[in-house]
């Protein structure tokens, strides 16, 4: 089903792979203007290269594992643009038993899966950053409900 998203602007995280990438392609096909985020510069560029250029798309390499950079990234995202939607597709998972997970993996997982979507939601919700009738979609994982012994960190974050 084709939607008419002309003149609509969307912010999509996790656009360098998986669901975020495919969603970017789909919204582009439906006429939306996109700001895509991802931490992998090469893969994000691959996504960006397949989008139609005349739509005014923007790409931002964003690694939220260093929260000290979050203000700079947020400023880039919301500078001179009001969005019609924010869709969080980014996620970091570590496949390991709880006894083998490193402390750094725990901290990074919570930053990527919980803290930065909250930071973006907080900033998106400022009236100067969104248009009337906009939407926020924060995609999660079934693992947060069903759990798994080797995905406990991903499930909890």
N, C-alpha and C. Protein backbone atom coordinates (compact mmCIF):
# COMPACT_ATOMS: atom_id res chain seq x y z
N UNK A 1 0.84 -1.18 0.00
CA UNK A 1 0.00 0.00 0.00
C UNK A 1 0.88 1.24 0.00
N UNK A 2 0.67 2.10 -0.96
CA UNK A 2 1.45 3.33 -1.07
C UNK A 2 0.75 4.45 -0.31
N UNK A 3 1.53 5.12 0.54
CA UNK A 3 1.02 6.27 1.29
C UNK A 3 1.45 7.55 0.59
N UNK A 4 0.72 8.62 0.82
CA UNK A 4 1.13 9.92 0.31
C UNK A 4 1.78 10.69 1.44
N UNK A 5 3.10 10.71 1.45
CA UNK A 5 3.85 11.39 2.51
C UNK A 5 4.60 12.61 2.00
N UNK A 6 4.12 13.17 0.89
CA UNK A 6 4.74 14.39 0.37
C UNK A 6 4.67 15.48 1.42
N UNK A 7 5.74 16.23 1.56
CA UNK A 7 5.87 17.32 2.53
C UNK A 7 5.88 16.84 3.98
N UNK A 8 6.07 15.56 4.20
CA UNK A 8 6.20 15.02 5.57
C UNK A 8 7.67 14.74 5.83
N UNK A 9 8.09 15.01 7.07
CA UNK A 9 9.50 14.84 7.45
C UNK A 9 9.59 13.86 8.61
N UNK A 10 10.48 12.87 8.47
CA UNK A 10 10.63 11.84 9.48
C UNK A 10 12.08 11.68 9.91
N UNK A 11 12.25 11.42 11.17
CA UNK A 11 13.54 11.10 11.78
C UNK A 11 13.56 9.61 12.04
N UNK A 12 14.57 8.92 11.49
CA UNK A 12 14.67 7.46 11.64
C UNK A 12 16.04 7.10 12.19
N UNK A 13 16.07 6.43 13.32
CA UNK A 13 17.33 5.94 13.87
C UNK A 13 17.53 4.48 13.47
N UNK A 14 18.78 4.05 13.50
CA UNK A 14 19.09 2.68 13.12
C UNK A 14 18.98 2.44 11.63
N UNK A 15 19.17 3.50 10.84
CA UNK A 15 18.96 3.42 9.39
C UNK A 15 20.13 2.79 8.65
N UNK A 16 21.19 2.42 9.34
CA UNK A 16 22.33 1.82 8.66
C UNK A 16 22.16 0.31 8.43
N UNK A 17 21.06 -0.26 8.94
CA UNK A 17 20.83 -1.69 8.70
C UNK A 17 19.40 -2.07 9.09
N UNK A 18 19.05 -3.29 8.78
CA UNK A 18 17.82 -3.90 9.25
C UNK A 18 16.54 -3.12 9.00
N UNK A 19 15.71 -3.09 10.02
CA UNK A 19 14.40 -2.46 9.91
C UNK A 19 14.49 -0.96 9.65
N UNK A 20 15.45 -0.29 10.27
CA UNK A 20 15.62 1.15 10.03
C UNK A 20 15.94 1.45 8.58
N UNK A 21 16.79 0.64 7.99
CA UNK A 21 17.15 0.81 6.57
C UNK A 21 15.92 0.60 5.68
N UNK A 22 15.22 -0.51 5.90
CA UNK A 22 14.06 -0.84 5.06
C UNK A 22 12.94 0.19 5.23
N UNK A 23 12.75 0.67 6.42
CA UNK A 23 11.75 1.70 6.67
C UNK A 23 12.13 3.00 5.95
N UNK A 24 13.40 3.32 5.93
CA UNK A 24 13.87 4.50 5.19
C UNK A 24 13.52 4.39 3.72
N UNK A 25 13.78 3.23 3.14
CA UNK A 25 13.46 3.02 1.73
C UNK A 25 11.96 3.16 1.48
N UNK A 26 11.17 2.59 2.35
CA UNK A 26 9.72 2.62 2.19
C UNK A 26 9.16 4.04 2.31
N UNK A 27 9.58 4.78 3.33
CA UNK A 27 9.08 6.15 3.49
C UNK A 27 9.56 7.05 2.36
N UNK A 28 10.76 6.81 1.86
CA UNK A 28 11.26 7.57 0.71
C UNK A 28 10.39 7.31 -0.51
N UNK A 29 10.05 6.05 -0.76
CA UNK A 29 9.19 5.69 -1.88
C UNK A 29 7.83 6.36 -1.77
N UNK A 30 7.34 6.53 -0.54
CA UNK A 30 6.03 7.16 -0.32
C UNK A 30 6.10 8.68 -0.31
N UNK A 31 7.30 9.25 -0.56
CA UNK A 31 7.42 10.69 -0.74
C UNK A 31 7.92 11.49 0.44
N UNK A 32 8.26 10.85 1.55
CA UNK A 32 8.70 11.57 2.74
C UNK A 32 10.12 12.10 2.58
N UNK A 33 10.40 13.14 3.33
CA UNK A 33 11.75 13.68 3.47
C UNK A 33 12.31 13.12 4.77
N UNK A 34 13.53 12.62 4.73
CA UNK A 34 14.07 11.88 5.87
C UNK A 34 15.35 12.47 6.43
N UNK A 35 15.48 12.35 7.75
CA UNK A 35 16.76 12.49 8.43
C UNK A 35 17.04 11.11 8.99
N UNK A 36 18.10 10.49 8.47
CA UNK A 36 18.43 9.13 8.91
C UNK A 36 19.67 9.16 9.79
N UNK A 37 19.64 8.35 10.83
CA UNK A 37 20.75 8.24 11.76
C UNK A 37 21.24 6.82 11.84
N UNK A 38 22.54 6.68 12.05
CA UNK A 38 23.15 5.39 12.28
C UNK A 38 24.57 5.59 12.76
N UNK A 39 25.10 4.61 13.43
CA UNK A 39 26.47 4.77 13.95
C UNK A 39 27.53 4.28 12.98
N UNK A 40 27.15 3.46 12.02
CA UNK A 40 28.10 2.93 11.05
C UNK A 40 28.07 3.81 9.80
N UNK A 41 29.09 4.63 9.64
CA UNK A 41 29.15 5.61 8.55
C UNK A 41 29.03 4.96 7.17
N UNK A 42 29.76 3.89 6.94
CA UNK A 42 29.74 3.21 5.64
C UNK A 42 28.35 2.66 5.32
N UNK A 43 27.75 1.97 6.27
CA UNK A 43 26.43 1.38 6.04
C UNK A 43 25.35 2.45 5.93
N UNK A 44 25.47 3.53 6.71
CA UNK A 44 24.51 4.62 6.61
C UNK A 44 24.60 5.28 5.23
N UNK A 45 25.81 5.41 4.71
CA UNK A 45 26.00 5.97 3.37
C UNK A 45 25.37 5.07 2.30
N UNK A 46 25.42 3.76 2.51
CA UNK A 46 24.77 2.83 1.57
C UNK A 46 23.26 3.07 1.55
N UNK A 47 22.69 3.21 2.74
CA UNK A 47 21.25 3.50 2.82
C UNK A 47 20.95 4.81 2.11
N UNK A 48 21.72 5.84 2.44
CA UNK A 48 21.49 7.18 1.90
C UNK A 48 21.60 7.19 0.38
N UNK A 49 22.55 6.42 -0.16
CA UNK A 49 22.77 6.44 -1.62
C UNK A 49 21.58 5.87 -2.39
N UNK A 50 20.74 5.07 -1.75
CA UNK A 50 19.59 4.49 -2.43
C UNK A 50 18.31 5.32 -2.28
N UNK A 51 18.41 6.43 -1.56
CA UNK A 51 17.26 7.32 -1.41
C UNK A 51 17.22 8.31 -2.57
N UNK A 52 16.04 8.76 -2.92
CA UNK A 52 15.90 9.74 -4.00
C UNK A 52 16.44 11.09 -3.52
N UNK A 53 17.40 11.63 -4.23
CA UNK A 53 18.13 12.83 -3.81
C UNK A 53 17.27 14.10 -3.75
N UNK A 54 16.27 14.20 -4.59
CA UNK A 54 15.51 15.44 -4.65
C UNK A 54 14.57 15.64 -3.46
N UNK A 55 14.55 14.73 -2.55
CA UNK A 55 13.66 14.83 -1.39
C UNK A 55 14.25 15.65 -0.25
N UNK A 56 15.50 16.07 -0.35
CA UNK A 56 16.10 16.85 0.72
C UNK A 56 16.46 16.01 1.93
N UNK A 57 16.81 14.77 1.71
CA UNK A 57 17.18 13.89 2.82
C UNK A 57 18.47 14.35 3.48
N UNK A 58 18.64 13.95 4.72
CA UNK A 58 19.83 14.29 5.50
C UNK A 58 20.27 13.04 6.24
N UNK A 59 21.58 12.84 6.31
CA UNK A 59 22.10 11.71 7.10
C UNK A 59 23.01 12.26 8.19
N UNK A 60 22.94 11.61 9.33
CA UNK A 60 23.77 12.01 10.47
C UNK A 60 24.36 10.76 11.09
N UNK A 61 25.69 10.70 11.09
CA UNK A 61 26.36 9.60 11.79
C UNK A 61 26.30 9.93 13.27
N UNK A 62 25.68 9.04 14.03
CA UNK A 62 25.44 9.32 15.44
C UNK A 62 25.74 8.08 16.28
N UNK A 63 26.75 8.19 17.12
CA UNK A 63 27.07 7.11 18.04
C UNK A 63 26.77 7.62 19.44
N UNK A 64 25.68 7.17 19.98
CA UNK A 64 25.24 7.64 21.29
C UNK A 64 25.89 6.88 22.45
N UNK A 65 26.86 6.02 22.16
CA UNK A 65 27.53 5.35 23.27
C UNK A 65 28.38 6.34 24.07
N UNK A 66 28.73 7.48 23.44
CA UNK A 66 29.40 8.57 24.15
C UNK A 66 28.37 9.67 24.36
N UNK A 67 27.77 9.71 25.53
CA UNK A 67 26.70 10.67 25.79
C UNK A 67 27.19 12.12 25.82
N UNK A 68 28.50 12.32 25.93
CA UNK A 68 29.03 13.68 25.90
C UNK A 68 28.79 14.35 24.55
N UNK A 69 28.62 13.55 23.50
CA UNK A 69 28.36 14.09 22.17
C UNK A 69 26.88 14.27 21.88
N UNK A 70 26.01 13.88 22.80
CA UNK A 70 24.58 13.89 22.50
C UNK A 70 24.04 15.28 22.20
N UNK A 71 24.52 16.31 22.88
CA UNK A 71 24.03 17.67 22.60
C UNK A 71 24.36 18.11 21.18
N UNK A 72 25.56 17.78 20.71
CA UNK A 72 25.94 18.13 19.34
C UNK A 72 25.06 17.41 18.32
N UNK A 73 24.83 16.15 18.58
CA UNK A 73 24.01 15.35 17.67
C UNK A 73 22.57 15.86 17.66
N UNK A 74 22.02 16.13 18.83
CA UNK A 74 20.65 16.63 18.94
C UNK A 74 20.51 17.96 18.20
N UNK A 75 21.51 18.82 18.34
CA UNK A 75 21.48 20.11 17.63
C UNK A 75 21.43 19.90 16.12
N UNK A 76 22.23 18.96 15.60
CA UNK A 76 22.22 18.67 14.16
C UNK A 76 20.85 18.15 13.71
N UNK A 77 20.26 17.29 14.52
CA UNK A 77 19.00 16.65 14.16
C UNK A 77 17.87 17.68 14.05
N UNK A 78 17.81 18.60 15.00
CA UNK A 78 16.65 19.49 15.08
C UNK A 78 16.91 20.90 14.56
N UNK A 79 18.07 21.15 13.97
CA UNK A 79 18.37 22.48 13.46
C UNK A 79 17.52 22.79 12.23
N UNK A 80 16.68 23.82 12.35
CA UNK A 80 15.85 24.32 11.25
C UNK A 80 14.93 23.28 10.63
N UNK A 81 14.44 22.35 11.43
CA UNK A 81 13.52 21.34 10.87
C UNK A 81 12.49 20.95 11.94
N UNK A 82 11.26 20.80 11.49
CA UNK A 82 10.18 20.28 12.32
C UNK A 82 9.74 18.96 11.70
N UNK A 83 9.62 17.95 12.53
CA UNK A 83 9.32 16.61 12.04
C UNK A 83 7.85 16.25 12.20
N UNK A 84 7.42 15.33 11.34
CA UNK A 84 6.09 14.75 11.43
C UNK A 84 6.12 13.40 12.14
N UNK A 85 7.32 12.88 12.34
CA UNK A 85 7.44 11.62 13.05
C UNK A 85 8.87 11.28 13.39
N UNK A 86 9.01 10.55 14.48
CA UNK A 86 10.30 10.03 14.93
C UNK A 86 10.11 8.53 15.13
N UNK A 87 10.94 7.75 14.46
CA UNK A 87 10.85 6.29 14.56
C UNK A 87 12.20 5.75 14.98
N UNK A 88 12.23 5.16 16.16
CA UNK A 88 13.47 4.59 16.70
C UNK A 88 13.55 3.11 16.31
N UNK A 89 14.54 2.78 15.50
CA UNK A 89 14.78 1.40 15.08
C UNK A 89 16.14 0.90 15.57
N UNK A 90 16.89 1.76 16.21
CA UNK A 90 18.24 1.38 16.63
C UNK A 90 18.19 0.47 17.85
N UNK A 91 19.14 -0.41 17.91
CA UNK A 91 19.25 -1.29 19.07
C UNK A 91 20.58 -2.01 19.06
N UNK A 92 21.07 -2.26 20.24
CA UNK A 92 22.33 -2.97 20.41
C UNK A 92 22.06 -4.20 21.25
N UNK A 93 22.46 -5.36 20.75
CA UNK A 93 22.28 -6.56 21.56
C UNK A 93 23.57 -7.35 21.64
N UNK A 94 23.76 -7.92 22.80
CA UNK A 94 24.92 -8.75 23.09
C UNK A 94 24.40 -10.15 23.36
N UNK A 95 24.86 -11.10 22.59
CA UNK A 95 24.44 -12.49 22.75
C UNK A 95 25.45 -13.18 23.67
N UNK A 96 25.09 -13.25 24.94
CA UNK A 96 26.00 -13.81 25.94
C UNK A 96 25.23 -14.20 27.19
N UNK A 97 25.77 -15.14 27.93
CA UNK A 97 25.17 -15.46 29.22
C UNK A 97 25.46 -14.31 30.18
N UNK A 98 24.64 -14.16 31.18
CA UNK A 98 24.79 -13.05 32.12
C UNK A 98 26.15 -13.07 32.82
N UNK A 99 26.70 -14.24 33.02
CA UNK A 99 27.99 -14.36 33.70
C UNK A 99 29.17 -13.91 32.85
N UNK A 100 28.98 -13.83 31.55
CA UNK A 100 30.07 -13.45 30.65
C UNK A 100 29.96 -12.04 30.09
N UNK A 101 28.92 -11.32 30.45
CA UNK A 101 28.74 -9.96 29.94
C UNK A 101 29.71 -9.01 30.65
N UNK A 102 30.38 -8.19 29.86
CA UNK A 102 31.31 -7.21 30.42
C UNK A 102 30.53 -5.98 30.89
N UNK A 103 31.05 -5.30 31.90
CA UNK A 103 30.40 -4.09 32.42
C UNK A 103 30.22 -3.05 31.32
N UNK A 104 31.20 -2.90 30.45
CA UNK A 104 31.11 -1.93 29.35
C UNK A 104 29.93 -2.27 28.44
N UNK A 105 29.69 -3.57 28.19
CA UNK A 105 28.56 -3.97 27.35
C UNK A 105 27.23 -3.58 28.00
N UNK A 106 27.16 -3.72 29.31
CA UNK A 106 25.94 -3.34 30.03
C UNK A 106 25.68 -1.84 29.86
N UNK A 107 26.71 -1.05 30.09
CA UNK A 107 26.57 0.41 30.00
C UNK A 107 26.23 0.83 28.57
N UNK A 108 26.94 0.30 27.58
CA UNK A 108 26.68 0.65 26.18
C UNK A 108 25.27 0.24 25.75
N UNK A 109 24.84 -0.92 26.18
CA UNK A 109 23.51 -1.40 25.82
C UNK A 109 22.42 -0.47 26.35
N UNK A 110 22.54 -0.05 27.58
CA UNK A 110 21.53 0.86 28.14
C UNK A 110 21.59 2.23 27.49
N UNK A 111 22.77 2.69 27.13
CA UNK A 111 22.87 3.98 26.44
C UNK A 111 22.15 3.93 25.10
N UNK A 112 22.42 2.91 24.31
CA UNK A 112 21.86 2.81 22.96
C UNK A 112 20.37 2.44 22.99
N UNK A 113 19.99 1.50 23.84
CA UNK A 113 18.63 0.97 23.82
C UNK A 113 17.63 1.75 24.67
N UNK A 114 18.09 2.48 25.64
CA UNK A 114 17.17 3.16 26.56
C UNK A 114 17.42 4.65 26.68
N UNK A 115 18.66 5.04 26.96
CA UNK A 115 18.94 6.44 27.27
C UNK A 115 18.80 7.33 26.04
N UNK A 116 19.44 6.97 24.92
CA UNK A 116 19.39 7.88 23.78
C UNK A 116 17.99 7.97 23.16
N UNK A 117 17.19 6.89 23.08
CA UNK A 117 15.82 7.10 22.59
C UNK A 117 15.03 8.05 23.50
N UNK A 118 15.32 8.01 24.78
CA UNK A 118 14.66 8.92 25.72
C UNK A 118 15.11 10.36 25.46
N UNK A 119 16.40 10.55 25.23
CA UNK A 119 16.93 11.89 24.92
C UNK A 119 16.29 12.43 23.64
N UNK A 120 16.21 11.60 22.61
CA UNK A 120 15.60 12.06 21.35
C UNK A 120 14.11 12.33 21.52
N UNK A 121 13.42 11.50 22.28
CA UNK A 121 12.00 11.72 22.53
C UNK A 121 11.80 13.03 23.29
N UNK A 122 12.62 13.28 24.28
CA UNK A 122 12.54 14.53 25.04
C UNK A 122 12.71 15.73 24.12
N UNK A 123 13.68 15.69 23.24
CA UNK A 123 13.93 16.82 22.34
C UNK A 123 12.90 16.91 21.23
N UNK A 124 12.43 15.78 20.74
CA UNK A 124 11.38 15.78 19.72
C UNK A 124 10.12 16.43 20.27
N UNK A 125 9.84 16.22 21.53
CA UNK A 125 8.58 16.69 22.11
C UNK A 125 8.55 18.19 22.40
N UNK A 126 9.64 18.89 22.14
CA UNK A 126 9.62 20.35 22.26
C UNK A 126 8.85 20.91 21.07
N UNK A 127 7.96 21.85 21.34
CA UNK A 127 7.02 22.31 20.31
C UNK A 127 7.69 22.83 19.05
N UNK A 128 8.90 23.35 19.15
CA UNK A 128 9.56 23.85 17.95
C UNK A 128 10.16 22.73 17.09
N UNK A 129 10.08 21.48 17.54
CA UNK A 129 10.70 20.38 16.81
C UNK A 129 9.73 19.44 16.10
N UNK A 130 8.44 19.63 16.31
CA UNK A 130 7.49 18.73 15.66
C UNK A 130 6.29 19.50 15.12
N UNK A 131 5.68 18.92 14.10
CA UNK A 131 4.48 19.48 13.50
C UNK A 131 3.24 18.89 14.18
N UNK A 132 2.13 19.56 14.00
CA UNK A 132 0.86 19.09 14.55
C UNK A 132 0.57 17.67 14.04
N UNK A 133 0.01 16.85 14.89
CA UNK A 133 -0.36 15.46 14.55
C UNK A 133 0.84 14.57 14.25
N UNK A 134 2.00 14.90 14.81
CA UNK A 134 3.17 14.05 14.60
C UNK A 134 3.08 12.81 15.47
N UNK A 135 3.98 11.86 15.20
CA UNK A 135 3.98 10.58 15.92
C UNK A 135 5.37 10.20 16.34
N UNK A 136 5.43 9.44 17.43
CA UNK A 136 6.68 8.85 17.90
C UNK A 136 6.47 7.34 17.98
N UNK A 137 7.38 6.60 17.37
CA UNK A 137 7.33 5.14 17.44
C UNK A 137 8.68 4.65 17.94
N UNK A 138 8.66 3.99 19.07
CA UNK A 138 9.88 3.41 19.64
C UNK A 138 9.75 1.89 19.52
N UNK A 139 10.43 1.33 18.55
CA UNK A 139 10.34 -0.11 18.35
C UNK A 139 11.14 -0.84 19.42
N UNK A 140 10.59 -1.92 19.87
CA UNK A 140 11.25 -2.74 20.87
C UNK A 140 11.48 -4.13 20.34
N UNK A 141 11.64 -5.04 21.24
CA UNK A 141 11.89 -6.42 20.86
C UNK A 141 10.99 -7.35 21.65
N UNK A 142 10.60 -8.43 21.04
CA UNK A 142 9.80 -9.45 21.73
C UNK A 142 10.59 -10.03 22.90
N UNK A 143 11.92 -9.91 22.82
CA UNK A 143 12.77 -10.41 23.91
C UNK A 143 12.50 -9.71 25.23
N UNK A 144 11.95 -8.51 25.18
CA UNK A 144 11.65 -7.81 26.42
C UNK A 144 10.46 -8.44 27.14
N UNK A 145 9.68 -9.22 26.41
CA UNK A 145 8.53 -9.89 27.01
C UNK A 145 8.83 -11.35 27.29
N UNK A 146 9.41 -12.04 26.31
CA UNK A 146 9.65 -13.47 26.46
C UNK A 146 10.99 -13.78 27.12
N UNK A 147 11.98 -12.93 26.90
CA UNK A 147 13.29 -13.15 27.50
C UNK A 147 14.04 -14.31 26.87
N UNK A 148 15.30 -14.38 27.19
CA UNK A 148 16.16 -15.46 26.72
C UNK A 148 17.42 -15.44 27.57
N UNK A 149 17.93 -16.59 27.89
CA UNK A 149 19.09 -16.63 28.78
C UNK A 149 20.32 -15.97 28.14
N UNK A 150 20.42 -15.93 26.83
CA UNK A 150 21.58 -15.33 26.19
C UNK A 150 21.29 -13.92 25.66
N UNK A 151 20.09 -13.42 25.90
CA UNK A 151 19.73 -12.07 25.51
C UNK A 151 19.22 -11.26 26.70
N UNK A 152 19.65 -11.61 27.88
CA UNK A 152 19.13 -10.93 29.08
C UNK A 152 19.44 -9.45 29.09
N UNK A 153 20.60 -9.05 28.63
CA UNK A 153 20.95 -7.63 28.59
C UNK A 153 20.08 -6.90 27.59
N UNK A 154 19.93 -7.44 26.41
CA UNK A 154 19.08 -6.84 25.37
C UNK A 154 17.63 -6.78 25.86
N UNK A 155 17.17 -7.85 26.47
CA UNK A 155 15.79 -7.91 26.96
C UNK A 155 15.52 -6.85 28.01
N UNK A 156 16.45 -6.64 28.90
CA UNK A 156 16.22 -5.70 30.00
C UNK A 156 16.42 -4.24 29.59
N UNK A 157 17.26 -4.01 28.59
CA UNK A 157 17.51 -2.61 28.20
C UNK A 157 16.54 -2.14 27.15
